[in-house]
Amino acid sequence: MKRIIHISLMVILVAGTFFLLSFADQKHRVTRYKTLTVDILNASDKALITEKEIRVLIEDKIGTIEGSLISMIDLNDLESTVKRNPYVSSCEVYQTIAGELIVKATVRAPLVRVMNDSGQQYFIDYMGYLMPVTFSHPSYVLIANGHITDRLVMIDHSEKPLYALPDSSVLKQVYPVALLINEDVFLRSFIDQIYINAQNEMELVPKIGSQQIIFGKSENAAQKLENLKAFYMKVMNKMDWNTYKVINIKYNNQVVCSK
């Protein structure tokens, strides 16, 4: 008898569970979104895409969110749509019980603007990804130009990592130096360009003065930049900045100047 009661209770429990799931599914099918919230987690004045532009990106893909049936929108597909934008590094999409669709995104900020030897321009961001230039968001960042052959080819419209480039790419030399320059207040305000010369070595172009600053390769970059900074602040600060035409810091722990 107890066994029969136990089985009966299990049947009722299972049936009740299916009923509740069916009811919830039916309710889900007729529920509509009330709001769309787009939140950029690392918003800054350097960001190449805004909350408004992500909203437009979403609505161009699937139409107006507010008032749309929850059951008609594939959250995974929506997340993939946002992630495919080259200025978005990551994205999470979810919905609340109250009918709010929430999009949280992390976006890319340009570190250096590359101008290669064929006239193509593109950015390298702080995480070492190549992405196209957007003229809707002018970015006044460090410039890398000269003998740069690397091109940005975007077959699938996504950003490209530096590690996918060959080891011989000069951009792998430029990136760590650009990071160090941007981390230092003095160097960031002093250095305007990283020029790649015919020997595939870097030269730094100052915003003030006409010196040719020969940097060489990226090895010992932090020490070279500290030597350059100390030289300008302690030596050049006491003389005419046009005294020297060439400042060579390519050799370890040396600053060699010539007139």
C-alpha atoms as a PDB file:
ATOM      1  CA  MET A   1       0.000   0.000   0.000  1.00  0.00           C
ATOM      2  CA  LYS A   2       2.776   2.414   0.946  1.00  0.00           C
ATOM      3  CA  ARG A   3       4.526   1.593  -2.315  1.00  0.00           C
ATOM      4  CA  ILE A   4       1.371   2.455  -4.290  1.00  0.00           C
ATOM      5  CA  ILE A   5       1.017   5.781  -2.420  1.00  0.00           C
ATOM      6  CA  HIS A   6       4.684   6.574  -3.035  1.00  0.00           C
ATOM      7  CA  ILE A   7       4.337   5.860  -6.756  1.00  0.00           C
ATOM      8  CA  SER A   8       1.168   7.948  -6.922  1.00  0.00           C
ATOM      9  CA  LEU A   9       2.918  10.891  -5.278  1.00  0.00           C
ATOM     10  CA  MET A  10       5.836  10.607  -7.714  1.00  0.00           C
ATOM     11  CA  VAL A  11       3.414  10.597 -10.658  1.00  0.00           C
ATOM     12  CA  ILE A  12       1.634  13.673  -9.299  1.00  0.00           C
ATOM     13  CA  LEU A  13       4.971  15.436  -8.703  1.00  0.00           C
ATOM     14  CA  VAL A  14       6.234  14.697 -12.214  1.00  0.00           C
ATOM     15  CA  ALA A  15       2.939  15.738 -13.763  1.00  0.00           C
ATOM     16  CA  GLY A  16       2.923  18.924 -11.730  1.00  0.00           C
ATOM     17  CA  THR A  17       6.478  19.707 -12.819  1.00  0.00           C
ATOM     18  CA  PHE A  18       5.605  19.246 -16.484  1.00  0.00           C
ATOM     19  CA  PHE A  19       2.526  21.424 -16.016  1.00  0.00           C
ATOM     20  CA  LEU A  20       4.545  24.235 -14.437  1.00  0.00           C
ATOM     21  CA  LEU A  21       7.207  24.002 -17.148  1.00  0.00           C
ATOM     22  CA  SER A  22       4.546  24.074 -19.829  1.00  0.00           C
ATOM     23  CA  PHE A  23       2.879  27.077 -18.186  1.00  0.00           C
ATOM     24  CA  ALA A  24       6.214  28.901 -17.881  1.00  0.00           C
ATOM     25  CA  ASP A  25       7.013  28.126 -21.523  1.00  0.00           C
ATOM     26  CA  GLN A  26       3.650  29.471 -22.677  1.00  0.00           C
ATOM     27  CA  LYS A  27       4.143  32.613 -20.601  1.00  0.00           C
ATOM     28  CA  HIS A  28       7.655  33.005 -22.019  1.00  0.00           C
ATOM     29  CA  ARG A  29       6.318  32.815 -25.567  1.00  0.00           C
ATOM     30  CA  VAL A  30       3.966  35.764 -25.074  1.00  0.00           C
ATOM     31  CA  THR A  31       6.238  37.915 -22.870  1.00  0.00           C
ATOM     32  CA  ARG A  32       7.679  40.993 -24.552  1.00  0.00           C
ATOM     33  CA  TYR A  33      10.817  42.972 -23.832  1.00  0.00           C
ATOM     34  CA  LYS A  34      10.214  46.248 -22.011  1.00  0.00           C
ATOM     35  CA  THR A  35      13.684  47.806 -22.267  1.00  0.00           C
ATOM     36  CA  LEU A  36      17.111  47.363 -23.820  1.00  0.00           C
ATOM     37  CA  THR A  37      20.076  48.382 -21.681  1.00  0.00           C
ATOM     38  CA  VAL A  38      23.552  48.629 -23.230  1.00  0.00           C
ATOM     39  CA  ASP A  39      26.398  49.000 -20.741  1.00  0.00           C
ATOM     40  CA  ILE A  40      30.016  49.570 -21.814  1.00  0.00           C
ATOM     41  CA  LEU A  41      32.116  48.386 -18.906  1.00  0.00           C
ATOM     42  CA  ASN A  42      35.284  50.298 -19.856  1.00  0.00           C
ATOM     43  CA  ALA A  43      33.852  53.424 -21.480  1.00  0.00           C
ATOM     44  CA  SER A  44      36.408  56.168 -22.166  1.00  0.00           C
ATOM     45  CA  ASP A  45      36.998  59.085 -24.498  1.00  0.00           C
ATOM     46  CA  LYS A  46      39.271  56.805 -26.555  1.00  0.00           C
ATOM     47  CA  ALA A  47      36.627  54.153 -27.190  1.00  0.00           C
ATOM     48  CA  LEU A  48      35.846  53.607 -30.876  1.00  0.00           C
ATOM     49  CA  ILE A  49      32.212  52.603 -30.358  1.00  0.00           C
ATOM     50  CA  THR A  50      29.533  54.024 -28.061  1.00  0.00           C
ATOM     51  CA  GLU A  51      26.492  52.584 -26.268  1.00  0.00           C
ATOM     52  CA  LYS A  52      24.255  54.282 -28.840  1.00  0.00           C
ATOM     53  CA  GLU A  53      26.187  52.712 -31.732  1.00  0.00           C
ATOM     54  CA  ILE A  54      25.936  49.240 -30.178  1.00  0.00           C
ATOM     55  CA  ARG A  55      22.184  49.757 -29.831  1.00  0.00           C
ATOM     56  CA  VAL A  56      21.984  50.714 -33.516  1.00  0.00           C
ATOM     57  CA  LEU A  57      24.093  47.645 -34.382  1.00  0.00           C
ATOM     58  CA  ILE A  58      21.600  45.436 -32.539  1.00  0.00           C
ATOM     59  CA  GLU A  59      18.493  47.052 -34.017  1.00  0.00           C
ATOM     60  CA  ASP A  60      19.921  46.920 -37.549  1.00  0.00           C
ATOM     61  CA  LYS A  61      20.252  43.166 -37.046  1.00  0.00           C
ATOM     62  CA  ILE A  62      16.946  42.257 -35.368  1.00  0.00           C
ATOM     63  CA  GLY A  63      14.810  45.401 -35.248  1.00  0.00           C
ATOM     64  CA  THR A  64      13.456  47.322 -32.266  1.00  0.00           C
ATOM     65  CA  ILE A  65      13.875  45.387 -29.005  1.00  0.00           C
ATOM     66  CA  GLU A  66      11.240  47.126 -26.911  1.00  0.00           C
ATOM     67  CA  GLY A  67       7.938  45.341 -27.500  1.00  0.00           C
ATOM     68  CA  SER A  68       9.506  42.340 -29.243  1.00  0.00           C
ATOM     69  CA  LEU A  69       8.584  38.839 -28.113  1.00  0.00           C
ATOM     70  CA  ILE A  70      11.277  37.320 -25.897  1.00  0.00           C
ATOM     71  CA  SER A  71      10.822  33.985 -27.677  1.00  0.00           C
ATOM     72  CA  MET A  72      11.699  35.551 -31.041  1.00  0.00           C
ATOM     73  CA  ILE A  73      15.203  36.722 -30.101  1.00  0.00           C
ATOM     74  CA  ASP A  74      18.166  34.341 -29.971  1.00  0.00           C
ATOM     75  CA  LEU A  75      20.454  35.688 -27.233  1.00  0.00           C
ATOM     76  CA  ASN A  76      23.477  33.706 -28.456  1.00  0.00           C
ATOM     77  CA  ASP A  77      23.061  35.053 -31.985  1.00  0.00           C
ATOM     78  CA  LEU A  78      22.662  38.588 -30.630  1.00  0.00           C
ATOM     79  CA  GLU A  79      25.833  38.203 -28.555  1.00  0.00           C
ATOM     80  CA  SER A  80      27.736  36.954 -31.613  1.00  0.00           C
ATOM     81  CA  THR A  81      26.499  39.936 -33.634  1.00  0.00           C
ATOM     82  CA  VAL A  82      27.931  42.398 -31.123  1.00  0.00           C
ATOM     83  CA  LYS A  83      31.198  40.462 -30.757  1.00  0.00           C
ATOM     84  CA  ARG A  84      31.777  40.528 -34.528  1.00  0.00           C
ATOM     85  CA  ASN A  85      32.217  44.283 -34.406  1.00  0.00           C
ATOM     86  CA  PRO A  86      35.998  44.924 -34.505  1.00  0.00           C
ATOM     87  CA  TYR A  87      35.757  47.581 -31.776  1.00  0.00           C
ATOM     88  CA  VAL A  88      34.183  45.184 -29.245  1.00  0.00           C
ATOM     89  CA  SER A  89      36.527  42.831 -27.379  1.00  0.00           C
ATOM     90  CA  SER A  90      33.902  40.924 -25.357  1.00  0.00           C
ATOM     91  CA  CYS A  91      30.150  40.871 -24.828  1.00  0.00           C
ATOM     92  CA  GLU A  92      27.571  39.251 -22.539  1.00  0.00           C
ATOM     93  CA  VAL A  93      23.831  39.267 -23.274  1.00  0.00           C
ATOM     94  CA  TYR A  94      21.114  38.178 -20.858  1.00  0.00           C
ATOM     95  CA  GLN A  95      17.534  38.940 -19.898  1.00  0.00           C
ATOM     96  CA  THR A  96      15.741  39.558 -16.614  1.00  0.00           C
ATOM     97  CA  ILE A  97      12.400  38.273 -15.340  1.00  0.00           C
ATOM     98  CA  ALA A  98      11.099  41.840 -15.589  1.00  0.00           C
ATOM     99  CA  GLY A  99      11.564  41.780 -19.370  1.00  0.00           C
ATOM    100  CA  GLU A 100      14.805  43.762 -19.612  1.00  0.00           C
ATOM    101  CA  LEU A 101      17.396  42.791 -22.212  1.00  0.00           C
ATOM    102  CA  ILE A 102      20.884  43.669 -20.985  1.00  0.00           C
ATOM    103  CA  VAL A 103      24.005  43.898 -23.126  1.00  0.00           C
ATOM    104  CA  LYS A 104      27.333  44.325 -21.322  1.00  0.00           C
ATOM    105  CA  ALA A 105      30.325  44.981 -23.567  1.00  0.00           C
ATOM    106  CA  THR A 106      34.033  45.654 -23.245  1.00  0.00           C
ATOM    107  CA  VAL A 107      35.373  47.787 -26.083  1.00  0.00           C
ATOM    108  CA  ARG A 108      38.763  48.412 -27.637  1.00  0.00           C
ATOM    109  CA  ALA A 109      40.774  51.617 -27.296  1.00  0.00           C
ATOM    110  CA  PRO A 110      43.516  52.530 -29.808  1.00  0.00           C
ATOM    111  CA  LEU A 111      47.125  52.610 -28.652  1.00  0.00           C
ATOM    112  CA  VAL A 112      48.872  53.475 -31.911  1.00  0.00           C
ATOM    113  CA  ARG A 113      47.779  54.390 -35.426  1.00  0.00           C
ATOM    114  CA  VAL A 114      49.705  52.533 -38.117  1.00  0.00           C
ATOM    115  CA  MET A 115      50.322  54.008 -41.576  1.00  0.00           C
ATOM    116  CA  ASN A 116      51.941  51.336 -43.737  1.00  0.00           C
ATOM    117  CA  ASP A 117      54.050  51.868 -46.857  1.00  0.00           C
ATOM    118  CA  SER A 118      51.074  51.352 -49.187  1.00  0.00           C
ATOM    119  CA  GLY A 119      48.982  54.063 -47.554  1.00  0.00           C
ATOM    120  CA  GLN A 120      46.680  51.825 -45.503  1.00  0.00           C
ATOM    121  CA  GLN A 121      45.855  52.977 -41.984  1.00  0.00           C
ATOM    122  CA  TYR A 122      44.696  50.924 -38.999  1.00  0.00           C
ATOM    123  CA  PHE A 123      44.927  50.849 -35.210  1.00  0.00           C
ATOM    124  CA  ILE A 124      46.656  48.582 -32.715  1.00  0.00           C
ATOM    125  CA  ASP A 125      44.764  48.530 -29.430  1.00  0.00           C
ATOM    126  CA  TYR A 126      46.138  48.157 -25.890  1.00  0.00           C
ATOM    127  CA  MET A 127      45.651  44.384 -26.000  1.00  0.00           C
ATOM    128  CA  GLY A 128      47.663  43.994 -29.209  1.00  0.00           C
ATOM    129  CA  TYR A 129      44.840  43.672 -31.739  1.00  0.00           C
ATOM    130  CA  LEU A 130      44.733  45.269 -35.192  1.00  0.00           C
ATOM    131  CA  MET A 131      41.470  46.978 -36.134  1.00  0.00           C
ATOM    132  CA  PRO A 132      40.321  49.406 -38.832  1.00  0.00           C
ATOM    133  CA  VAL A 133      40.349  53.169 -38.516  1.00  0.00           C
ATOM    134  CA  THR A 134      36.967  54.758 -37.938  1.00  0.00           C
ATOM    135  CA  PHE A 135      36.521  58.342 -39.032  1.00  0.00           C
ATOM    136  CA  SER A 136      33.475  58.802 -36.794  1.00  0.00           C
ATOM    137  CA  HIS A 137      35.763  58.701 -33.741  1.00  0.00           C
ATOM    138  CA  PRO A 138      38.994  60.643 -34.417  1.00  0.00           C
ATOM    139  CA  SER A 139      41.731  59.368 -32.096  1.00  0.00           C
ATOM    140  CA  TYR A 140      44.845  61.397 -31.457  1.00  0.00           C
ATOM    141  CA  VAL A 141      47.278  58.650 -30.565  1.00  0.00           C
ATOM    142  CA  LEU A 142      50.881  57.753 -31.275  1.00  0.00           C
ATOM    143  CA  ILE A 143      51.627  57.192 -34.976  1.00  0.00           C
ATOM    144  CA  ALA A 144      53.780  54.401 -36.416  1.00  0.00           C
ATOM    145  CA  ASN A 145      54.870  54.866 -40.037  1.00  0.00           C
ATOM    146  CA  GLY A 146      57.757  54.385 -42.433  1.00  0.00           C
ATOM    147  CA  HIS A 147      58.865  51.004 -43.786  1.00  0.00           C
ATOM    148  CA  ILE A 148      55.865  49.001 -42.563  1.00  0.00           C
ATOM    149  CA  THR A 149      54.606  46.340 -44.954  1.00  0.00           C
ATOM    150  CA  ASP A 150      52.002  44.673 -42.713  1.00  0.00           C
ATOM    151  CA  ARG A 151      48.451  45.024 -43.996  1.00  0.00           C
ATOM    152  CA  LEU A 152      45.139  44.649 -42.193  1.00  0.00           C
ATOM    153  CA  VAL A 153      43.057  42.128 -44.140  1.00  0.00           C
ATOM    154  CA  MET A 154      39.567  41.715 -42.666  1.00  0.00           C
ATOM    155  CA  ILE A 155      37.835  38.839 -44.437  1.00  0.00           C
ATOM    156  CA  ASP A 156      35.444  38.122 -41.558  1.00  0.00           C
ATOM    157  CA  HIS A 157      35.215  41.735 -40.294  1.00  0.00           C
ATOM    158  CA  SER A 158      36.907  40.900 -36.993  1.00  0.00           C
ATOM    159  CA  GLU A 159      39.997  42.357 -35.364  1.00  0.00           C
ATOM    160  CA  LYS A 160      43.363  40.627 -35.890  1.00  0.00           C
ATOM    161  CA  PRO A 161      45.844  39.760 -33.110  1.00  0.00           C
ATOM    162  CA  LEU A 162      49.503  40.679 -33.365  1.00  0.00           C
ATOM    163  CA  TYR A 163      50.487  37.103 -32.547  1.00  0.00           C
ATOM    164  CA  ALA A 164      48.983  36.009 -35.873  1.00  0.00           C
ATOM    165  CA  LEU A 165      51.579  38.086 -37.736  1.00  0.00           C
ATOM    166  CA  PRO A 166      54.980  36.607 -38.644  1.00  0.00           C
ATOM    167  CA  ASP A 167      57.821  37.004 -36.144  1.00  0.00           C
ATOM    168  CA  SER A 168      59.554  39.311 -38.626  1.00  0.00           C
ATOM    169  CA  SER A 169      56.724  41.876 -38.395  1.00  0.00           C
ATOM    170  CA  VAL A 170      58.001  45.264 -37.227  1.00  0.00           C
ATOM    171  CA  LEU A 171      54.660  45.802 -35.486  1.00  0.00           C
ATOM    172  CA  LYS A 172      55.778  43.295 -32.859  1.00  0.00           C
ATOM    173  CA  GLN A 173      58.653  45.703 -32.179  1.00  0.00           C
ATOM    174  CA  VAL A 174      56.420  48.783 -32.215  1.00  0.00           C
ATOM    175  CA  TYR A 175      53.751  47.492 -29.827  1.00  0.00           C
ATOM    176  CA  PRO A 176      55.789  47.116 -26.580  1.00  0.00           C
ATOM    177  CA  VAL A 177      57.515  50.457 -27.176  1.00  0.00           C
ATOM    178  CA  ALA A 178      54.185  52.201 -27.770  1.00  0.00           C
ATOM    179  CA  LEU A 179      52.844  50.696 -24.530  1.00  0.00           C
ATOM    180  CA  LEU A 180      55.784  52.057 -22.540  1.00  0.00           C
ATOM    181  CA  ILE A 181      55.512  55.502 -24.115  1.00  0.00           C
ATOM    182  CA  ASN A 182      51.802  55.731 -23.328  1.00  0.00           C
ATOM    183  CA  GLU A 183      52.334  54.662 -19.713  1.00  0.00           C
ATOM    184  CA  ASP A 184      54.683  57.613 -19.051  1.00  0.00           C
ATOM    185  CA  VAL A 185      53.287  61.157 -18.786  1.00  0.00           C
ATOM    186  CA  PHE A 186      56.461  62.840 -20.067  1.00  0.00           C
ATOM    187  CA  LEU A 187      57.082  60.452 -22.955  1.00  0.00           C
ATOM    188  CA  ARG A 188      53.411  60.465 -23.977  1.00  0.00           C
ATOM    189  CA  SER A 189      53.452  64.256 -24.277  1.00  0.00           C
ATOM    190  CA  PHE A 190      56.907  64.317 -25.904  1.00  0.00           C
ATOM    191  CA  ILE A 191      56.957  61.538 -28.524  1.00  0.00           C
ATOM    192  CA  ASP A 192      54.745  61.990 -31.581  1.00  0.00           C
ATOM    193  CA  GLN A 193      55.711  59.128 -33.904  1.00  0.00           C
ATOM    194  CA  ILE A 194      57.565  55.838 -34.156  1.00  0.00           C
ATOM    195  CA  TYR A 195      59.264  55.766 -37.556  1.00  0.00           C
ATOM    196  CA  ILE A 196      60.574  52.502 -39.058  1.00  0.00           C
ATOM    197  CA  ASN A 197      63.710  53.223 -41.096  1.00  0.00           C
ATOM    198  CA  ALA A 198      65.215  51.266 -43.998  1.00  0.00           C
ATOM    199  CA  GLN A 199      67.110  49.024 -41.545  1.00  0.00           C
ATOM    200  CA  ASN A 200      63.806  48.017 -39.888  1.00  0.00           C
ATOM    201  CA  GLU A 201      64.836  49.866 -36.757  1.00  0.00           C
ATOM    202  CA  MET A 202      62.732  52.375 -34.845  1.00  0.00           C
ATOM    203  CA  GLU A 203      63.309  56.090 -34.680  1.00  0.00           C
ATOM    204  CA  LEU A 204      61.304  58.299 -32.325  1.00  0.00           C
ATOM    205  CA  VAL A 205      59.990  61.616 -33.616  1.00  0.00           C
ATOM    206  CA  PRO A 206      59.525  64.287 -30.915  1.00  0.00           C
ATOM    207  CA  LYS A 207      56.735  66.847 -30.877  1.00  0.00           C
ATOM    208  CA  ILE A 208      59.240  69.544 -29.888  1.00  0.00           C
ATOM    209  CA  GLY A 209      62.633  69.950 -31.538  1.00  0.00           C
ATOM    210  CA  SER A 210      63.991  68.396 -34.715  1.00  0.00           C
ATOM    211  CA  GLN A 211      66.242  65.679 -33.316  1.00  0.00           C
ATOM    212  CA  GLN A 212      66.499  62.267 -34.939  1.00  0.00           C
ATOM    213  CA  ILE A 213      66.170  59.841 -32.026  1.00  0.00           C
ATOM    214  CA  ILE A 214      67.536  56.446 -33.040  1.00  0.00           C
ATOM    215  CA  PHE A 215      65.898  53.782 -30.885  1.00  0.00           C
ATOM    216  CA  GLY A 216      66.815  50.531 -32.638  1.00  0.00           C
ATOM    217  CA  LYS A 217      64.951  47.323 -31.742  1.00  0.00           C
ATOM    218  CA  SER A 218      62.545  46.772 -28.848  1.00  0.00           C
ATOM    219  CA  GLU A 219      65.065  44.925 -26.669  1.00  0.00           C
ATOM    220  CA  ASN A 220      65.711  46.781 -23.387  1.00  0.00           C
ATOM    221  CA  ALA A 221      62.989  49.252 -24.399  1.00  0.00           C
ATOM    222  CA  ALA A 222      62.164  50.323 -20.837  1.00  0.00           C
ATOM    223  CA  GLN A 223      65.793  51.148 -20.039  1.00  0.00           C
ATOM    224  CA  LYS A 224      66.291  53.007 -23.324  1.00  0.00           C
ATOM    225  CA  LEU A 225      63.243  55.169 -22.694  1.00  0.00           C
ATOM    226  CA  GLU A 226      64.331  55.888 -19.119  1.00  0.00           C
ATOM    227  CA  ASN A 227      67.745  56.974 -20.442  1.00  0.00           C
ATOM    228  CA  LEU A 228      66.085  59.194 -23.046  1.00  0.00           C
ATOM    229  CA  LYS A 229      63.767  60.740 -20.478  1.00  0.00           C
ATOM    230  CA  ALA A 230      66.632  61.417 -18.058  1.00  0.00           C
ATOM    231  CA  PHE A 231      68.738  62.922 -20.855  1.00  0.00           C
ATOM    232  CA  TYR A 232      66.055  65.394 -21.885  1.00  0.00           C
ATOM    233  CA  MET A 233      65.088  66.345 -18.345  1.00  0.00           C
ATOM    234  CA  LYS A 234      68.595  66.689 -16.954  1.00  0.00           C
ATOM    235  CA  VAL A 235      70.787  67.612 -19.953  1.00  0.00           C
ATOM    236  CA  MET A 236      68.704  69.043 -22.783  1.00  0.00           C
ATOM    237  CA  ASN A 237      66.685  71.073 -20.299  1.00  0.00           C
ATOM    238  CA  LYS A 238      69.802  73.192 -19.720  1.00  0.00           C
ATOM    239  CA  MET A 239      70.675  73.885 -23.368  1.00  0.00           C
ATOM    240  CA  ASP A 240      69.218  74.745 -26.752  1.00  0.00           C
ATOM    241  CA  TRP A 241      67.126  71.785 -27.895  1.00  0.00           C
ATOM    242  CA  ASN A 242      68.525  72.203 -31.409  1.00  0.00           C
ATOM    243  CA  THR A 243      72.121  71.668 -30.230  1.00  0.00           C
ATOM    244  CA  TYR A 244      72.130  68.034 -31.296  1.00  0.00           C
ATOM    245  CA  LYS A 245      70.685  66.678 -34.546  1.00  0.00           C
ATOM    246  CA  VAL A 246      70.973  62.981 -33.712  1.00  0.00           C
ATOM    247  CA  ILE A 247      70.412  61.262 -30.371  1.00  0.00           C
ATOM    248  CA  ASN A 248      71.244  57.557 -30.442  1.00  0.00           C
ATOM    249  CA  ILE A 249      69.902  55.346 -27.620  1.00  0.00           C
ATOM    250  CA  LYS A 250      69.961  52.010 -29.476  1.00  0.00           C
ATOM    251  CA  TYR A 251      72.959  50.730 -27.503  1.00  0.00           C
ATOM    252  CA  ASN A 252      72.495  49.473 -23.953  1.00  0.00           C
ATOM    253  CA  ASN A 253      72.900  52.176 -21.275  1.00  0.00           C
ATOM    254  CA  GLN A 254      74.273  54.732 -23.730  1.00  0.00           C
ATOM    255  CA  VAL A 255      73.062  58.060 -25.057  1.00  0.00           C
ATOM    256  CA  VAL A 256      75.255  59.102 -27.988  1.00  0.00           C
ATOM    257  CA  CYS A 257      74.673  62.568 -29.405  1.00  0.00           C
ATOM    258  CA  SER A 258      75.995  64.232 -32.568  1.00  0.00           C
ATOM    259  CA  LYS A 259      75.613  67.741 -33.960  1.00  0.00           C
END
